[in-house]
Every structure is written in structure tokens, then in C-alpha cells.
Amino acid sequence: MFSLQVKWGCSQCRSTTTDRRKYCIDCHSMLTWTCIGSGRSGLYTHFFRHRDNCIHCASEMGDKPQEVEQKHRDIQKLQKLNNEQRPWSEWGRIYESCIQHIGHDIEQ
């Protein structure tokens, strides 16, 4: 499906295209995409990963915006949990550190 939120073009010869091909017709280099909504861009091969994770691109697909929004909320929760943890470099291999990390005696 062709997305109105994405512009396709060639970074080598600066040509633009209205259809989504993998390679430029003129110079045969891989096409690049630019998402209008998020401002992100990349090579053709990375577009599908972007599309699956972009709220702007998924909204045109109709059935996926809720899934993408839920995925973003889940990622934000994980980032918050990650920010609350102490870095690995602060953990020692001493008995007290193990108790603090796992919550019980390591000798058990």
C-alpha cells in the first residue's frame, strides 16, 4: 500500500518517485524514504520496520494505530523501569550486594 505520509526518492541522482520501488530507475541505487509525520528517513530496506513502529504511517493502514500506540506505551514503561535500576558497574560481587539485588541469601 502506498502511503501519503512517506516520500520516496533517490539520494544519488535526486530524483523522486511516486511508486515504491527498491531501486532508482535512473541510477540503480537503493531508494530512500522520508516520513512526513515523524521526520525520519532511511533506506528502502529499513522502511518496513519504521512503518510497523510509526504512529503516522500505521494510521494510514487502518487497523494498526492502537497496536503501535500500545507498543510505544510499553516501551516507555520499560525505559522508566530501566532508569530506576542501578547500573551494572555499581553492583559488586560481595554478599551484601547479592542480597540487595536478588532479595535473599545466596547461600540457600
Protein backbone atom coordinates (compact mmCIF):
# COMPACT_ATOMS: atom_id res chain seq x y z
CA MET A 1 0.00 0.00 0.00
CA PHE A 2 1.36 3.41 -0.95
CA SER A 3 1.49 5.85 1.96
CA LEU A 4 0.80 9.56 1.62
CA GLN A 5 2.89 10.15 4.75
CA VAL A 6 6.05 8.89 3.03
CA LYS A 7 8.04 10.48 0.23
CA TRP A 8 10.33 8.28 -1.86
CA GLY A 9 13.42 9.44 -3.69
CA CYS A 10 16.97 8.73 -4.75
CA SER A 11 19.80 10.26 -2.75
CA GLN A 12 22.28 9.78 -5.63
CA CYS A 13 20.55 11.46 -8.57
CA ARG A 14 17.96 13.41 -6.50
CA SER A 15 15.01 12.04 -8.47
CA THR A 16 11.65 11.45 -6.79
CA THR A 17 9.19 8.69 -7.46
CA THR A 18 5.51 8.19 -6.80
CA ASP A 19 5.68 4.41 -6.68
CA ARG A 20 7.59 2.44 -4.10
CA ARG A 21 10.40 0.60 -5.82
CA LYS A 22 13.55 -0.75 -4.25
CA TYR A 23 15.98 0.80 -6.73
CA CYS A 24 16.10 4.01 -8.75
CA ILE A 25 15.23 3.63 -12.43
CA ASP A 26 17.84 6.20 -13.50
CA CYS A 27 20.96 5.33 -11.48
CA HIS A 28 20.01 1.93 -9.95
CA SER A 29 20.88 2.95 -6.37
CA MET A 30 18.61 1.99 -3.48
CA LEU A 31 15.78 4.44 -2.86
CA THR A 32 15.32 6.33 0.38
CA TRP A 33 12.12 7.21 2.22
CA THR A 34 11.17 10.19 4.36
CA CYS A 35 8.25 10.02 6.78
CA ILE A 36 6.44 13.36 6.75
CA GLY A 37 4.83 12.85 10.17
CA SER A 38 7.90 11.83 12.18
CA GLY A 39 10.62 13.44 10.05
CA ARG A 40 12.59 10.19 9.95
CA SER A 41 14.22 8.82 6.84
CA GLY A 42 16.24 5.83 5.72
CA LEU A 43 16.97 3.26 3.06
CA TYR A 44 14.26 1.15 1.45
CA THR A 45 15.31 -1.92 3.44
CA HIS A 46 14.53 -0.21 6.76
CA PHE A 47 11.13 1.19 5.79
CA PHE A 48 9.05 -1.78 6.88
CA ARG A 49 10.48 -1.74 10.41
CA HIS A 50 9.74 2.01 10.55
CA ARG A 51 6.21 1.55 9.22
CA ASP A 52 5.40 -1.07 11.85
CA ASN A 53 6.54 1.25 14.67
CA CYS A 54 5.40 4.67 13.41
CA ILE A 55 2.09 6.12 14.55
CA HIS A 56 1.87 8.33 11.44
CA CYS A 57 2.43 5.52 8.94
CA ALA A 58 0.31 2.98 10.83
CA SER A 59 -2.65 5.37 10.95
CA GLU A 60 -2.99 5.06 7.19
CA MET A 61 -3.06 1.29 7.40
CA GLY A 62 -6.29 1.49 9.40
CA ASP A 63 -6.08 -1.46 11.73
CA LYS A 64 -2.74 -0.91 13.47
CA PRO A 65 -2.63 2.51 15.21
CA GLN A 66 -3.82 1.11 18.54
CA GLU A 67 -1.16 -1.60 18.43
CA VAL A 68 1.57 0.93 17.69
CA GLU A 69 0.39 3.25 20.47
CA GLN A 70 0.32 0.32 22.91
CA LYS A 71 3.84 -0.66 21.83
CA HIS A 72 5.04 2.91 22.50
CA ARG A 73 3.43 2.88 25.97
CA ASP A 74 5.09 -0.46 26.74
CA ILE A 75 8.47 0.86 25.63
CA GLN A 76 8.06 3.95 27.80
CA LYS A 77 7.24 1.74 30.81
CA LEU A 78 10.35 -0.37 30.20
CA GLN A 79 12.51 2.74 29.82
CA LYS A 80 11.17 4.06 33.13
CA LEU A 81 11.96 0.77 34.86
CA ASN A 82 15.41 0.72 33.29
CA ASN A 83 16.12 4.26 34.50
CA GLU A 84 15.21 3.27 38.07
CA GLN A 85 17.72 0.41 38.18
CA ARG A 86 21.27 0.89 39.32
CA PRO A 87 23.88 0.46 36.60
CA TRP A 88 25.74 -2.84 36.45
CA SER A 89 29.01 -1.08 37.20
CA GLU A 90 27.75 -0.25 40.71
CA TRP A 91 26.99 -3.86 41.57
CA GLY A 92 29.70 -5.67 43.42
CA ARG A 93 30.21 -9.38 43.82
CA ILE A 94 30.04 -9.21 47.55
CA TYR A 95 27.43 -10.92 49.69
CA GLU A 96 25.61 -7.67 50.64
CA SER A 97 25.27 -6.66 47.00
CA CYS A 98 23.74 -10.01 46.07
CA ILE A 99 21.20 -9.78 48.88
CA GLN A 100 20.26 -6.26 47.79
CA HIS A 101 19.85 -7.35 44.17
CA ILE A 102 18.02 -10.67 44.44
CA GLY A 103 16.42 -10.19 47.84
CA HIS A 104 17.55 -13.40 49.54
CA ASP A 105 20.56 -15.19 50.87
CA ILE A 106 22.78 -16.57 48.09
CA GLU A 107 23.97 -19.40 50.33
CA GLN A 108 20.50 -21.00 50.30
